[in-house]
Amino acid sequence: MAEKIEFTETVEENVNMLVENGRKVVLAGLGAVTFAQEELFGMFSNLVERGTATEEKTRSMVNKQVETRQKDAKKAAKRVEKEIEKRFENALHWMNIPSKNDIDKLSRKVTTLNKKVNDLSKAA
């Protein structure tokens, strides 16, 4: 009978050991899943941060390029406008048509002469 007790205790010990080892395997699996989730979340957060930083840098670079191009376009438009005005004035001059500037000068001269004539009329 002593052998039966030892055999039963050995079986119980083996069953308990299997249950405990099975429990440890399940806990290890849960730990692995938790670890994987934490790592994936950390990697995801890191990727989101990097993507956000890259987006900000890219947006900044594009905005700078757009501003530079706009400034260049405005400068070019002013140069073109001045060149067109110059050529238009030359064409008017070639056709003996006075420009606005010529008319303004003449108008100032006429005003000055009128004033002198009025002053002379009063004096006489």
N, C-alpha and C. Protein backbone atom coordinates (compact mmCIF):
# COMPACT_ATOMS: atom_id res chain seq x y z
N MET A 1 0.80 -1.17 0.00
CA MET A 1 0.00 0.00 0.00
C MET A 1 0.86 1.25 0.00
N ALA A 2 1.99 1.15 0.54
CA ALA A 2 2.90 2.28 0.54
C ALA A 2 3.27 2.64 -0.88
N GLU A 3 3.35 1.66 -1.72
CA GLU A 3 3.69 1.95 -3.11
C GLU A 3 2.55 2.67 -3.82
N LYS A 4 1.31 2.38 -3.48
CA LYS A 4 0.15 3.03 -4.07
C LYS A 4 0.13 4.51 -3.70
N ILE A 5 0.43 4.82 -2.47
CA ILE A 5 0.44 6.21 -2.00
C ILE A 5 1.53 6.97 -2.74
N GLU A 6 2.70 6.38 -2.86
CA GLU A 6 3.79 7.05 -3.56
C GLU A 6 3.43 7.26 -5.02
N PHE A 7 2.78 6.27 -5.63
CA PHE A 7 2.41 6.37 -7.03
C PHE A 7 1.35 7.46 -7.20
N THR A 8 0.37 7.52 -6.31
CA THR A 8 -0.69 8.53 -6.38
C THR A 8 -0.10 9.92 -6.16
N GLU A 9 0.80 10.03 -5.18
CA GLU A 9 1.44 11.32 -4.93
C GLU A 9 2.28 11.73 -6.13
N THR A 10 2.94 10.80 -6.75
CA THR A 10 3.76 11.10 -7.91
C THR A 10 2.87 11.56 -9.07
N VAL A 11 1.74 10.91 -9.26
CA VAL A 11 0.81 11.29 -10.31
C VAL A 11 0.27 12.68 -10.02
N GLU A 12 -0.13 12.91 -8.76
CA GLU A 12 -0.64 14.25 -8.37
C GLU A 12 0.42 15.31 -8.56
N GLU A 13 1.64 15.01 -8.18
CA GLU A 13 2.73 15.96 -8.35
C GLU A 13 2.95 16.25 -9.83
N ASN A 14 2.90 15.21 -10.65
CA ASN A 14 3.08 15.39 -12.09
C ASN A 14 1.94 16.22 -12.69
N VAL A 15 0.70 15.94 -12.25
CA VAL A 15 -0.45 16.69 -12.74
C VAL A 15 -0.32 18.14 -12.31
N ASN A 16 0.02 18.36 -11.03
CA ASN A 16 0.19 19.73 -10.53
C ASN A 16 1.30 20.45 -11.30
N MET A 17 2.38 19.72 -11.54
CA MET A 17 3.50 20.29 -12.27
C MET A 17 3.06 20.65 -13.71
N LEU A 18 2.29 19.76 -14.35
CA LEU A 18 1.78 20.03 -15.70
C LEU A 18 0.84 21.23 -15.71
N VAL A 19 -0.04 21.29 -14.71
CA VAL A 19 -0.97 22.42 -14.61
C VAL A 19 -0.20 23.71 -14.40
N GLU A 20 0.77 23.68 -13.49
CA GLU A 20 1.59 24.87 -13.22
C GLU A 20 2.38 25.28 -14.45
N ASN A 21 2.97 24.30 -15.14
CA ASN A 21 3.73 24.61 -16.36
C ASN A 21 2.80 25.14 -17.47
N GLY A 22 1.62 24.54 -17.56
CA GLY A 22 0.64 25.03 -18.54
C GLY A 22 0.22 26.46 -18.23
N ARG A 23 0.02 26.74 -16.96
CA ARG A 23 -0.32 28.11 -16.52
C ARG A 23 0.80 29.08 -16.89
N LYS A 24 2.05 28.63 -16.64
CA LYS A 24 3.20 29.48 -16.97
C LYS A 24 3.27 29.74 -18.48
N VAL A 25 2.98 28.70 -19.27
CA VAL A 25 2.99 28.87 -20.73
C VAL A 25 1.91 29.89 -21.15
N VAL A 26 0.73 29.78 -20.57
CA VAL A 26 -0.35 30.73 -20.89
C VAL A 26 0.05 32.14 -20.48
N LEU A 27 0.62 32.29 -19.27
CA LEU A 27 1.08 33.61 -18.81
C LEU A 27 2.18 34.16 -19.70
N ALA A 28 3.10 33.28 -20.12
CA ALA A 28 4.16 33.72 -21.02
C ALA A 28 3.57 34.19 -22.34
N GLY A 29 2.57 33.47 -22.83
CA GLY A 29 1.90 33.88 -24.07
C GLY A 29 1.22 35.23 -23.92
N LEU A 30 0.53 35.43 -22.79
CA LEU A 30 -0.11 36.72 -22.53
C LEU A 30 0.94 37.83 -22.43
N GLY A 31 2.05 37.51 -21.77
CA GLY A 31 3.13 38.48 -21.65
C GLY A 31 3.69 38.84 -23.02
N ALA A 32 3.84 37.82 -23.89
CA ALA A 32 4.37 38.06 -25.23
C ALA A 32 3.40 38.93 -26.03
N VAL A 33 2.11 38.65 -25.91
CA VAL A 33 1.11 39.46 -26.63
C VAL A 33 1.15 40.90 -26.12
N THR A 34 1.20 41.08 -24.81
CA THR A 34 1.25 42.42 -24.22
C THR A 34 2.52 43.15 -24.67
N PHE A 35 3.63 42.44 -24.64
CA PHE A 35 4.90 43.02 -25.07
C PHE A 35 4.83 43.45 -26.53
N ALA A 36 4.27 42.58 -27.37
CA ALA A 36 4.15 42.88 -28.80
C ALA A 36 3.26 44.09 -29.02
N GLN A 37 2.15 44.15 -28.26
CA GLN A 37 1.25 45.30 -28.40
C GLN A 37 1.96 46.59 -27.99
N GLU A 38 2.69 46.54 -26.88
CA GLU A 38 3.40 47.73 -26.42
C GLU A 38 4.46 48.15 -27.42
N GLU A 39 5.18 47.18 -27.96
CA GLU A 39 6.22 47.49 -28.95
C GLU A 39 5.60 48.07 -30.22
N LEU A 40 4.50 47.45 -30.67
CA LEU A 40 3.84 47.95 -31.87
C LEU A 40 3.28 49.35 -31.65
N PHE A 41 2.69 49.58 -30.49
CA PHE A 41 2.16 50.91 -30.18
C PHE A 41 3.29 51.93 -30.13
N GLY A 42 4.41 51.53 -29.50
CA GLY A 42 5.57 52.41 -29.44
C GLY A 42 6.11 52.71 -30.82
N MET A 43 6.20 51.68 -31.66
CA MET A 43 6.69 51.88 -33.03
C MET A 43 5.71 52.75 -33.81
N PHE A 44 4.41 52.50 -33.63
CA PHE A 44 3.40 53.28 -34.32
C PHE A 44 3.49 54.75 -33.91
N SER A 45 3.60 54.98 -32.61
CA SER A 45 3.72 56.36 -32.12
C SER A 45 4.97 57.02 -32.68
N ASN A 46 6.06 56.28 -32.71
CA ASN A 46 7.32 56.80 -33.24
C ASN A 46 7.18 57.13 -34.73
N LEU A 47 6.52 56.25 -35.48
CA LEU A 47 6.30 56.49 -36.90
C LEU A 47 5.41 57.71 -37.13
N VAL A 48 4.38 57.86 -36.29
CA VAL A 48 3.49 59.02 -36.40
C VAL A 48 4.28 60.30 -36.12
N GLU A 49 5.12 60.29 -35.10
CA GLU A 49 5.94 61.46 -34.77
C GLU A 49 6.88 61.80 -35.93
N ARG A 50 7.52 60.79 -36.47
CA ARG A 50 8.43 61.02 -37.60
C ARG A 50 7.67 61.56 -38.82
N GLY A 51 6.51 60.98 -39.08
CA GLY A 51 5.69 61.44 -40.20
C GLY A 51 5.25 62.88 -40.02
N THR A 52 4.87 63.24 -38.80
CA THR A 52 4.46 64.61 -38.50
C THR A 52 5.62 65.57 -38.71
N ALA A 53 6.79 65.20 -38.21
CA ALA A 53 7.98 66.05 -38.37
C ALA A 53 8.33 66.21 -39.85
N THR A 54 8.25 65.12 -40.60
CA THR A 54 8.55 65.18 -42.03
C THR A 54 7.54 66.06 -42.75
N GLU A 55 6.27 65.93 -42.38
CA GLU A 55 5.23 66.76 -42.99
C GLU A 55 5.50 68.24 -42.73
N GLU A 56 5.86 68.58 -41.49
CA GLU A 56 6.13 69.98 -41.15
C GLU A 56 7.34 70.51 -41.92
N LYS A 57 8.40 69.71 -42.02
CA LYS A 57 9.58 70.14 -42.76
C LYS A 57 9.24 70.35 -44.23
N THR A 58 8.51 69.40 -44.79
CA THR A 58 8.15 69.48 -46.20
C THR A 58 7.25 70.68 -46.46
N ARG A 59 6.27 70.88 -45.59
CA ARG A 59 5.36 72.03 -45.74
C ARG A 59 6.15 73.34 -45.68
N SER A 60 7.09 73.42 -44.75
CA SER A 60 7.92 74.62 -44.61
C SER A 60 8.75 74.86 -45.87
N MET A 61 9.36 73.80 -46.39
CA MET A 61 10.17 73.92 -47.60
C MET A 61 9.31 74.37 -48.79
N VAL A 62 8.14 73.78 -48.92
CA VAL A 62 7.25 74.12 -50.04
C VAL A 62 6.80 75.57 -49.90
N ASN A 63 6.44 76.00 -48.68
CA ASN A 63 6.00 77.37 -48.47
C ASN A 63 7.12 78.36 -48.82
N LYS A 64 8.35 78.04 -48.43
CA LYS A 64 9.48 78.91 -48.75
C LYS A 64 9.67 79.00 -50.26
N GLN A 65 9.57 77.86 -50.93
CA GLN A 65 9.72 77.84 -52.39
C GLN A 65 8.61 78.66 -53.06
N VAL A 66 7.39 78.53 -52.56
CA VAL A 66 6.27 79.27 -53.13
C VAL A 66 6.49 80.78 -52.93
N GLU A 67 6.91 81.17 -51.72
CA GLU A 67 7.16 82.58 -51.45
C GLU A 67 8.26 83.12 -52.35
N THR A 68 9.34 82.35 -52.50
CA THR A 68 10.43 82.77 -53.37
C THR A 68 9.96 82.93 -54.80
N ARG A 69 9.19 81.97 -55.28
CA ARG A 69 8.69 82.03 -56.66
C ARG A 69 7.74 83.23 -56.84
N GLN A 70 6.92 83.51 -55.82
CA GLN A 70 6.01 84.64 -55.92
C GLN A 70 6.79 85.96 -55.98
N LYS A 71 7.82 86.08 -55.15
CA LYS A 71 8.65 87.29 -55.18
C LYS A 71 9.32 87.44 -56.53
N ASP A 72 9.87 86.34 -57.04
CA ASP A 72 10.52 86.37 -58.35
C ASP A 72 9.53 86.76 -59.44
N ALA A 73 8.31 86.24 -59.36
CA ALA A 73 7.29 86.54 -60.36
C ALA A 73 6.90 88.02 -60.30
N LYS A 74 6.79 88.57 -59.08
CA LYS A 74 6.45 89.99 -58.95
C LYS A 74 7.56 90.87 -59.52
N LYS A 75 8.81 90.52 -59.25
CA LYS A 75 9.94 91.28 -59.79
C LYS A 75 9.93 91.22 -61.32
N ALA A 76 9.70 90.03 -61.85
CA ALA A 76 9.68 89.87 -63.31
C ALA A 76 8.52 90.66 -63.91
N ALA A 77 7.37 90.66 -63.25
CA ALA A 77 6.21 91.41 -63.76
C ALA A 77 6.51 92.91 -63.77
N LYS A 78 7.20 93.41 -62.74
CA LYS A 78 7.56 94.83 -62.70
C LYS A 78 8.53 95.17 -63.83
N ARG A 79 9.52 94.29 -64.05
CA ARG A 79 10.47 94.52 -65.14
C ARG A 79 9.76 94.54 -66.49
N VAL A 80 8.86 93.61 -66.69
CA VAL A 80 8.11 93.54 -67.95
C VAL A 80 7.26 94.80 -68.11
N GLU A 81 6.60 95.21 -67.03
CA GLU A 81 5.76 96.40 -67.09
C GLU A 81 6.58 97.64 -67.45
N LYS A 82 7.74 97.80 -66.82
CA LYS A 82 8.60 98.94 -67.13
C LYS A 82 9.07 98.89 -68.59
N GLU A 83 9.42 97.72 -69.05
CA GLU A 83 9.89 97.57 -70.43
C GLU A 83 8.78 97.90 -71.42
N ILE A 84 7.56 97.45 -71.12
CA ILE A 84 6.42 97.74 -72.00
C ILE A 84 6.15 99.24 -72.02
N GLU A 85 6.19 99.88 -70.84
CA GLU A 85 5.97 101.33 -70.78
C GLU A 85 7.03 102.07 -71.59
N LYS A 86 8.28 101.63 -71.43
CA LYS A 86 9.38 102.27 -72.16
C LYS A 86 9.17 102.13 -73.67
N ARG A 87 8.82 100.95 -74.12
CA ARG A 87 8.63 100.72 -75.56
C ARG A 87 7.41 101.48 -76.08
N PHE A 88 6.38 101.53 -75.24
CA PHE A 88 5.17 102.26 -75.64
C PHE A 88 5.48 103.74 -75.77
N GLU A 89 6.24 104.29 -74.82
CA GLU A 89 6.64 105.70 -74.90
C GLU A 89 7.48 105.95 -76.15
N ASN A 90 8.39 105.04 -76.42
CA ASN A 90 9.22 105.18 -77.63
C ASN A 90 8.36 105.16 -78.89
N ALA A 91 7.37 104.29 -78.92
CA ALA A 91 6.48 104.22 -80.08
C ALA A 91 5.69 105.51 -80.22
N LEU A 92 5.17 106.04 -79.10
CA LEU A 92 4.43 107.30 -79.15
C LEU A 92 5.34 108.44 -79.61
N HIS A 93 6.54 108.47 -79.10
CA HIS A 93 7.50 109.50 -79.47
C HIS A 93 7.82 109.39 -80.97
N TRP A 94 7.99 108.20 -81.45
CA TRP A 94 8.31 107.96 -82.86
C TRP A 94 7.17 108.46 -83.75
N MET A 95 5.91 108.33 -83.24
CA MET A 95 4.75 108.78 -84.01
C MET A 95 4.40 110.24 -83.72
N ASN A 96 5.28 110.94 -82.97
CA ASN A 96 5.07 112.34 -82.59
C ASN A 96 3.78 112.55 -81.80
N ILE A 97 3.44 111.59 -80.96
CA ILE A 97 2.28 111.71 -80.06
C ILE A 97 2.85 111.96 -78.66
N PRO A 98 2.44 113.06 -78.00
CA PRO A 98 3.01 113.35 -76.68
C PRO A 98 2.54 112.32 -75.64
N SER A 99 3.43 112.04 -74.71
CA SER A 99 3.10 111.10 -73.63
C SER A 99 2.43 111.87 -72.49
N LYS A 100 1.91 111.17 -71.52
CA LYS A 100 1.28 111.81 -70.35
C LYS A 100 2.31 112.69 -69.65
N ASN A 101 3.53 112.22 -69.56
CA ASN A 101 4.59 112.97 -68.93
C ASN A 101 4.84 114.28 -69.67
N ASP A 102 4.85 114.23 -71.01
CA ASP A 102 5.04 115.44 -71.82
C ASP A 102 3.89 116.42 -71.59
N ILE A 103 2.68 115.91 -71.55
CA ILE A 103 1.50 116.76 -71.36
C ILE A 103 1.54 117.40 -69.97
N ASP A 104 1.94 116.64 -68.94
CA ASP A 104 2.04 117.17 -67.58
C ASP A 104 3.07 118.30 -67.51
N LYS A 105 4.21 118.11 -68.15
CA LYS A 105 5.25 119.15 -68.17
C LYS A 105 4.71 120.41 -68.84
N LEU A 106 4.06 120.24 -69.98
CA LEU A 106 3.50 121.37 -70.71
C LEU A 106 2.43 122.08 -69.88
N SER A 107 1.61 121.31 -69.17
CA SER A 107 0.56 121.88 -68.33
C SER A 107 1.18 122.73 -67.21
N ARG A 108 2.26 122.25 -66.60
CA ARG A 108 2.94 123.02 -65.55
C ARG A 108 3.51 124.32 -66.12
N LYS A 109 4.07 124.26 -67.30
CA LYS A 109 4.62 125.46 -67.94
C LYS A 109 3.51 126.48 -68.23
N VAL A 110 2.38 125.98 -68.73
CA VAL A 110 1.25 126.87 -69.03
C VAL A 110 0.74 127.52 -67.75
N THR A 111 0.65 126.75 -66.68
CA THR A 111 0.20 127.29 -65.39
C THR A 111 1.16 128.38 -64.91
N THR A 112 2.45 128.13 -65.03
CA THR A 112 3.46 129.12 -64.62
C THR A 112 3.33 130.38 -65.48
N LEU A 113 3.17 130.23 -66.79
CA LEU A 113 3.03 131.37 -67.69
C LEU A 113 1.75 132.16 -67.38
N ASN A 114 0.65 131.45 -67.10
CA ASN A 114 -0.61 132.13 -66.74
C ASN A 114 -0.44 132.98 -65.49
N LYS A 115 0.26 132.43 -64.54
CA LYS A 115 0.49 133.17 -63.29
C LYS A 115 1.32 134.42 -63.57
N LYS A 116 2.36 134.29 -64.39
CA LYS A 116 3.20 135.44 -64.73
C LYS A 116 2.40 136.50 -65.50
N VAL A 117 1.55 136.06 -66.43
CA VAL A 117 0.73 136.97 -67.20
C VAL A 117 -0.23 137.71 -66.29
N ASN A 118 -0.85 136.99 -65.35
CA ASN A 118 -1.77 137.63 -64.40
C ASN A 118 -1.04 138.65 -63.52
N ASP A 119 0.17 138.28 -63.09
CA ASP A 119 0.94 139.20 -62.25
C ASP A 119 1.31 140.46 -63.05
N LEU A 120 1.67 140.30 -64.32
CA LEU A 120 2.01 141.45 -65.16
C LEU A 120 0.77 142.33 -65.44
N SER A 121 -0.37 141.69 -65.61
CA SER A 121 -1.61 142.42 -65.87
C SER A 121 -1.98 143.29 -64.67
N LYS A 122 -1.80 142.76 -63.50
CA LYS A 122 -2.10 143.50 -62.28
C LYS A 122 -1.15 144.66 -62.09
N ALA A 123 0.09 144.45 -62.47
CA ALA A 123 1.10 145.47 -62.31
C ALA A 123 0.90 146.61 -63.30
N ALA A 124 0.32 146.35 -64.45
CA ALA A 124 0.15 147.35 -65.49
C ALA A 124 -1.08 148.12 -65.27
